[in-house]
């Protein structure tokens, strides 16, 4: 699943919804002062959400996601193009499916990786 460009305005909205007061999500001057570039940094929950949306689309709804565990490997910045993906690693009894999942910048640079369990029956 492709995310063509991470939206800086949506980061501001999510910061308010998450009560996240960290200015790296909306203040470019802070991002520059910290030596992190010149674009706001996307929130981790947003990045996880891209992967969960991909899984839900594949499985026929997010309600099929039973468990997800991820590691955040790098920052995602406003304007980044992302690709959420995964691969089935095991099919269990009762309709469970184990998957490796990831989120990559420009389709190649991993920014999130983990595993998910889905129930497809």
N, C-alpha and C. Protein backbone atom coordinates (compact mmCIF):
# COMPACT_ATOMS: atom_id res chain seq x y z
N UNK A 1 0.85 -1.17 0.00
CA UNK A 1 0.00 0.00 0.00
C UNK A 1 0.89 1.23 0.00
N UNK A 2 0.68 2.12 -0.93
CA UNK A 2 1.52 3.31 -1.05
C UNK A 2 0.88 4.51 -0.36
N UNK A 3 1.72 5.27 0.31
CA UNK A 3 1.36 6.57 0.85
C UNK A 3 2.21 7.55 0.05
N UNK A 4 1.59 8.29 -0.84
CA UNK A 4 2.34 9.10 -1.81
C UNK A 4 3.13 10.22 -1.17
N UNK A 5 2.58 10.87 -0.15
CA UNK A 5 3.31 11.95 0.53
C UNK A 5 2.71 12.15 1.91
N UNK A 6 3.53 12.03 2.95
CA UNK A 6 3.08 12.26 4.31
C UNK A 6 2.75 13.75 4.44
N UNK A 7 1.58 14.05 4.98
CA UNK A 7 1.03 15.40 5.02
C UNK A 7 1.36 16.10 6.34
N UNK A 8 2.09 17.22 6.26
CA UNK A 8 2.49 17.98 7.45
C UNK A 8 1.27 18.53 8.20
N UNK A 9 0.23 18.94 7.49
CA UNK A 9 -0.96 19.47 8.16
C UNK A 9 -1.66 18.40 8.99
N UNK A 10 -1.66 17.17 8.48
CA UNK A 10 -2.28 16.08 9.25
C UNK A 10 -1.47 15.78 10.51
N UNK A 11 -0.15 16.00 10.46
CA UNK A 11 0.68 15.82 11.65
C UNK A 11 0.24 16.77 12.76
N UNK A 12 -0.04 18.02 12.40
CA UNK A 12 -0.50 19.00 13.39
C UNK A 12 -1.81 18.53 14.03
N UNK A 13 -2.73 18.06 13.20
CA UNK A 13 -4.01 17.57 13.71
C UNK A 13 -3.80 16.38 14.64
N UNK A 14 -2.96 15.44 14.23
CA UNK A 14 -2.71 14.26 15.06
C UNK A 14 -2.02 14.64 16.36
N UNK A 15 -1.12 15.62 16.32
CA UNK A 15 -0.46 16.07 17.55
C UNK A 15 -1.51 16.57 18.55
N UNK A 16 -2.49 17.31 18.06
CA UNK A 16 -3.56 17.78 18.94
C UNK A 16 -4.40 16.62 19.46
N UNK A 17 -4.78 15.69 18.58
CA UNK A 17 -5.60 14.55 18.99
C UNK A 17 -4.89 13.65 19.99
N UNK A 18 -3.57 13.50 19.81
CA UNK A 18 -2.78 12.64 20.69
C UNK A 18 -2.27 13.38 21.93
N UNK A 19 -2.58 14.67 22.04
CA UNK A 19 -2.04 15.52 23.11
C UNK A 19 -0.52 15.42 23.13
N UNK A 20 0.07 15.41 21.95
CA UNK A 20 1.52 15.28 21.78
C UNK A 20 2.10 16.68 21.60
N UNK A 21 2.75 17.18 22.64
CA UNK A 21 3.25 18.55 22.62
C UNK A 21 4.67 18.67 22.05
N UNK A 22 5.22 17.59 21.53
CA UNK A 22 6.57 17.63 20.98
C UNK A 22 6.57 18.46 19.69
N UNK A 23 7.31 19.58 19.67
CA UNK A 23 7.26 20.47 18.51
C UNK A 23 7.88 19.91 17.23
N UNK A 24 8.57 18.78 17.29
CA UNK A 24 9.14 18.22 16.05
C UNK A 24 8.06 17.81 15.06
N UNK A 25 6.80 17.74 15.53
CA UNK A 25 5.70 17.32 14.67
C UNK A 25 5.06 18.48 13.91
N UNK A 26 5.45 19.72 14.22
CA UNK A 26 4.87 20.85 13.50
C UNK A 26 5.79 22.06 13.35
N UNK A 27 6.87 22.13 14.11
CA UNK A 27 7.74 23.31 14.10
C UNK A 27 9.06 23.00 13.38
N UNK A 28 9.18 23.48 12.16
CA UNK A 28 10.37 23.20 11.34
C UNK A 28 11.63 23.77 11.99
N UNK A 29 11.52 24.92 12.67
CA UNK A 29 12.69 25.50 13.33
C UNK A 29 13.24 24.55 14.40
N UNK A 30 12.36 23.92 15.16
CA UNK A 30 12.80 22.95 16.17
C UNK A 30 13.49 21.77 15.51
N UNK A 31 12.91 21.28 14.43
CA UNK A 31 13.50 20.15 13.71
C UNK A 31 14.91 20.52 13.25
N UNK A 32 15.08 21.71 12.71
CA UNK A 32 16.40 22.17 12.25
C UNK A 32 17.38 22.29 13.42
N UNK A 33 16.92 22.91 14.53
CA UNK A 33 17.78 23.09 15.71
C UNK A 33 18.29 21.76 16.24
N UNK A 34 17.50 20.72 16.10
CA UNK A 34 17.88 19.39 16.58
C UNK A 34 18.71 18.63 15.55
N UNK A 35 18.96 19.23 14.41
CA UNK A 35 19.76 18.58 13.38
C UNK A 35 19.05 17.42 12.70
N UNK A 36 17.72 17.51 12.63
CA UNK A 36 16.92 16.42 12.07
C UNK A 36 16.43 16.71 10.66
N UNK A 37 16.93 17.74 10.03
CA UNK A 37 16.50 18.08 8.68
C UNK A 37 15.64 19.32 8.67
N UNK A 38 14.76 19.41 7.67
CA UNK A 38 13.95 20.61 7.53
C UNK A 38 12.47 20.31 7.28
N UNK A 39 12.03 19.13 7.71
CA UNK A 39 10.62 18.75 7.59
C UNK A 39 10.14 18.21 8.94
N UNK A 40 8.87 18.46 9.31
CA UNK A 40 8.33 17.89 10.54
C UNK A 40 8.40 16.36 10.52
N UNK A 41 8.46 15.79 11.71
CA UNK A 41 8.56 14.34 11.90
C UNK A 41 7.16 13.77 12.16
N UNK A 42 6.81 12.74 11.43
CA UNK A 42 5.51 12.09 11.62
C UNK A 42 5.48 11.34 12.95
N UNK A 43 4.31 11.28 13.56
CA UNK A 43 4.15 10.54 14.82
C UNK A 43 4.20 9.03 14.58
N UNK A 44 4.79 8.33 15.53
CA UNK A 44 4.85 6.87 15.46
C UNK A 44 3.50 6.21 15.28
N UNK A 45 2.46 6.63 16.05
CA UNK A 45 1.15 6.01 15.85
C UNK A 45 0.61 6.15 14.43
N UNK A 46 0.93 7.26 13.77
CA UNK A 46 0.51 7.39 12.36
C UNK A 46 1.19 6.34 11.50
N UNK A 47 2.49 6.15 11.73
CA UNK A 47 3.23 5.17 10.93
C UNK A 47 2.70 3.76 11.17
N UNK A 48 2.41 3.43 12.42
CA UNK A 48 1.80 2.14 12.72
C UNK A 48 0.44 2.03 12.04
N UNK A 49 -0.31 3.11 12.02
CA UNK A 49 -1.62 3.12 11.38
C UNK A 49 -1.56 2.78 9.90
N UNK A 50 -0.52 3.24 9.20
CA UNK A 50 -0.38 2.88 7.78
C UNK A 50 -0.28 1.36 7.61
N UNK A 51 0.48 0.72 8.49
CA UNK A 51 0.64 -0.74 8.42
C UNK A 51 -0.67 -1.43 8.78
N UNK A 52 -1.35 -0.94 9.80
CA UNK A 52 -2.62 -1.55 10.19
C UNK A 52 -3.68 -1.37 9.09
N UNK A 53 -3.68 -0.23 8.43
CA UNK A 53 -4.60 -0.04 7.30
C UNK A 53 -4.31 -1.03 6.18
N UNK A 54 -3.03 -1.24 5.89
CA UNK A 54 -2.65 -2.20 4.85
C UNK A 54 -3.14 -3.60 5.22
N UNK A 55 -2.93 -4.00 6.48
CA UNK A 55 -3.38 -5.32 6.92
C UNK A 55 -4.90 -5.43 6.84
N UNK A 56 -5.60 -4.41 7.29
CA UNK A 56 -7.05 -4.43 7.24
C UNK A 56 -7.58 -4.52 5.82
N UNK A 57 -6.96 -3.79 4.90
CA UNK A 57 -7.36 -3.87 3.49
C UNK A 57 -7.17 -5.28 2.95
N UNK A 58 -6.06 -5.90 3.30
CA UNK A 58 -5.76 -7.25 2.81
C UNK A 58 -6.70 -8.29 3.42
N UNK A 59 -6.99 -8.14 4.72
CA UNK A 59 -7.74 -9.16 5.45
C UNK A 59 -9.25 -8.98 5.38
N UNK A 60 -9.71 -7.86 4.84
CA UNK A 60 -11.15 -7.63 4.78
C UNK A 60 -11.68 -6.84 5.96
N UNK A 61 -10.81 -6.18 6.68
CA UNK A 61 -11.22 -5.33 7.80
C UNK A 61 -10.21 -5.38 8.93
N UNK A 62 -10.04 -4.25 9.60
CA UNK A 62 -9.07 -4.17 10.70
C UNK A 62 -9.43 -5.07 11.87
N UNK A 63 -10.71 -5.46 11.96
CA UNK A 63 -11.12 -6.34 13.06
C UNK A 63 -10.45 -7.71 13.00
N UNK A 64 -9.84 -8.05 11.87
CA UNK A 64 -9.14 -9.33 11.74
C UNK A 64 -7.74 -9.30 12.35
N UNK A 65 -7.24 -8.12 12.68
CA UNK A 65 -5.92 -8.02 13.30
C UNK A 65 -6.04 -8.42 14.77
N UNK A 66 -5.36 -9.49 15.13
CA UNK A 66 -5.40 -9.99 16.51
C UNK A 66 -4.26 -9.45 17.36
N UNK A 67 -3.09 -9.30 16.73
CA UNK A 67 -1.90 -8.84 17.47
C UNK A 67 -0.94 -8.22 16.47
N UNK A 68 -0.27 -7.16 16.90
CA UNK A 68 0.77 -6.56 16.07
C UNK A 68 1.88 -6.06 17.00
N UNK A 69 3.11 -6.38 16.61
CA UNK A 69 4.29 -5.93 17.37
C UNK A 69 5.26 -5.34 16.36
N UNK A 70 5.70 -4.12 16.63
CA UNK A 70 6.61 -3.46 15.69
C UNK A 70 7.74 -2.76 16.42
N UNK A 71 8.79 -2.49 15.67
CA UNK A 71 9.89 -1.63 16.12
C UNK A 71 9.96 -0.45 15.16
N UNK A 72 10.15 0.72 15.74
CA UNK A 72 10.33 1.92 14.94
C UNK A 72 11.81 2.07 14.67
N UNK A 73 12.20 2.02 13.39
CA UNK A 73 13.60 1.96 13.00
C UNK A 73 14.17 3.31 12.58
N UNK A 74 13.33 4.21 12.12
CA UNK A 74 13.81 5.52 11.65
C UNK A 74 12.63 6.47 11.61
N UNK A 75 12.93 7.75 11.46
CA UNK A 75 11.88 8.77 11.38
C UNK A 75 11.26 8.82 9.99
N UNK A 76 10.02 9.26 9.97
CA UNK A 76 9.30 9.56 8.74
C UNK A 76 9.03 11.06 8.76
N UNK A 77 9.28 11.72 7.63
CA UNK A 77 9.16 13.17 7.56
C UNK A 77 8.05 13.59 6.60
N UNK A 78 7.56 14.80 6.80
CA UNK A 78 6.56 15.36 5.89
C UNK A 78 7.10 15.28 4.46
N UNK A 79 6.24 14.86 3.55
CA UNK A 79 6.62 14.74 2.15
C UNK A 79 7.17 13.39 1.76
N UNK A 80 7.54 12.55 2.75
CA UNK A 80 8.08 11.22 2.42
C UNK A 80 7.03 10.38 1.70
N UNK A 81 7.50 9.57 0.74
CA UNK A 81 6.67 8.57 0.09
C UNK A 81 6.94 7.25 0.82
N UNK A 82 5.87 6.58 1.24
CA UNK A 82 6.00 5.36 2.02
C UNK A 82 5.31 4.20 1.33
N UNK A 83 5.77 3.01 1.66
CA UNK A 83 5.10 1.79 1.22
C UNK A 83 4.95 0.88 2.42
N UNK A 84 3.70 0.49 2.72
CA UNK A 84 3.41 -0.47 3.78
C UNK A 84 3.25 -1.83 3.11
N UNK A 85 3.89 -2.84 3.67
CA UNK A 85 3.80 -4.16 3.07
C UNK A 85 3.94 -5.26 4.10
N UNK A 86 3.83 -6.47 3.62
CA UNK A 86 3.96 -7.62 4.50
C UNK A 86 4.02 -8.90 3.70
N UNK A 87 4.33 -9.97 4.42
CA UNK A 87 4.34 -11.29 3.80
C UNK A 87 3.87 -12.31 4.82
N UNK A 88 3.13 -13.29 4.35
CA UNK A 88 2.63 -14.36 5.21
C UNK A 88 3.80 -15.29 5.53
N UNK A 89 4.00 -15.56 6.82
CA UNK A 89 5.08 -16.45 7.24
C UNK A 89 4.57 -17.79 7.76
N UNK A 90 3.30 -17.85 8.15
CA UNK A 90 2.74 -19.11 8.65
C UNK A 90 1.22 -19.03 8.61
N UNK A 91 0.61 -20.19 8.36
CA UNK A 91 -0.84 -20.33 8.41
C UNK A 91 -1.14 -21.38 9.46
N UNK A 92 -1.92 -20.98 10.47
CA UNK A 92 -2.19 -21.88 11.58
C UNK A 92 -3.59 -22.46 11.53
N UNK A 93 -3.85 -23.34 12.48
CA UNK A 93 -5.19 -23.91 12.62
C UNK A 93 -6.17 -22.82 13.01
N UNK A 94 -7.40 -22.99 12.63
CA UNK A 94 -8.44 -22.05 13.02
C UNK A 94 -8.43 -20.74 12.27
N UNK A 95 -7.68 -20.65 11.18
CA UNK A 95 -7.70 -19.45 10.36
C UNK A 95 -6.73 -18.36 10.75
N UNK A 96 -5.79 -18.68 11.65
CA UNK A 96 -4.80 -17.65 12.00
C UNK A 96 -3.70 -17.59 10.95
N UNK A 97 -3.21 -16.38 10.73
CA UNK A 97 -2.14 -16.14 9.77
C UNK A 97 -1.11 -15.26 10.45
N UNK A 98 0.15 -15.68 10.38
CA UNK A 98 1.27 -14.88 10.91
C UNK A 98 1.92 -14.16 9.74
N UNK A 99 2.27 -12.91 9.95
CA UNK A 99 2.88 -12.10 8.89
C UNK A 99 4.06 -11.31 9.42
N UNK A 100 5.04 -11.10 8.56
CA UNK A 100 6.03 -10.06 8.77
C UNK A 100 5.46 -8.80 8.12
N UNK A 101 5.63 -7.65 8.78
CA UNK A 101 5.11 -6.40 8.25
C UNK A 101 6.21 -5.35 8.26
N UNK A 102 6.06 -4.35 7.39
CA UNK A 102 7.06 -3.27 7.34
C UNK A 102 6.45 -2.01 6.76
N UNK A 103 7.16 -0.93 7.02
CA UNK A 103 6.89 0.35 6.39
C UNK A 103 8.23 0.86 5.89
N UNK A 104 8.29 1.25 4.62
CA UNK A 104 9.56 1.67 4.03
C UNK A 104 9.42 3.02 3.34
N UNK A 105 10.44 3.86 3.52
CA UNK A 105 10.51 5.14 2.83
C UNK A 105 11.03 4.89 1.42
N UNK A 106 10.37 5.49 0.44
CA UNK A 106 10.74 5.32 -0.97
C UNK A 106 10.81 3.85 -1.37
N UNK A 107 10.06 3.00 -0.66
CA UNK A 107 9.99 1.59 -1.00
C UNK A 107 11.20 0.76 -0.64
N UNK A 108 12.27 1.40 -0.13
CA UNK A 108 13.49 0.65 0.14
C UNK A 108 14.06 0.85 1.54
N UNK A 109 13.88 2.03 2.13
CA UNK A 109 14.50 2.33 3.43
C UNK A 109 13.53 1.99 4.55
N UNK A 110 13.79 0.92 5.33
CA UNK A 110 12.84 0.52 6.37
C UNK A 110 12.76 1.55 7.50
N UNK A 111 11.53 1.90 7.88
CA UNK A 111 11.31 2.82 9.00
C UNK A 111 10.53 2.14 10.13
N UNK A 112 9.93 0.99 9.86
CA UNK A 112 9.18 0.22 10.85
C UNK A 112 9.18 -1.23 10.38
N UNK A 113 9.33 -2.15 11.32
CA UNK A 113 9.28 -3.58 10.99
C UNK A 113 8.69 -4.34 12.17
N UNK A 114 8.01 -5.44 11.87
CA UNK A 114 7.45 -6.23 12.95
C UNK A 114 6.70 -7.44 12.45
N UNK A 115 5.81 -7.92 13.32
CA UNK A 115 5.00 -9.10 13.02
C UNK A 115 3.54 -8.82 13.37
N UNK A 116 2.66 -9.56 12.73
CA UNK A 116 1.23 -9.43 13.00
C UNK A 116 0.59 -10.81 12.93
N UNK A 117 -0.45 -10.97 13.73
CA UNK A 117 -1.29 -12.16 13.70
C UNK A 117 -2.70 -11.72 13.31
N UNK A 118 -3.25 -12.39 12.32
CA UNK A 118 -4.60 -12.09 11.86
C UNK A 118 -5.46 -13.34 11.94
N UNK A 119 -6.74 -13.16 12.14
CA UNK A 119 -7.70 -14.26 12.13
C UNK A 119 -8.59 -14.07 10.92
N UNK A 120 -8.48 -15.00 9.97
CA UNK A 120 -9.18 -14.84 8.70
C UNK A 120 -10.44 -15.70 8.57
N UNK A 121 -10.76 -16.49 9.57
CA UNK A 121 -11.97 -17.31 9.44
C UNK A 121 -13.15 -16.69 10.14
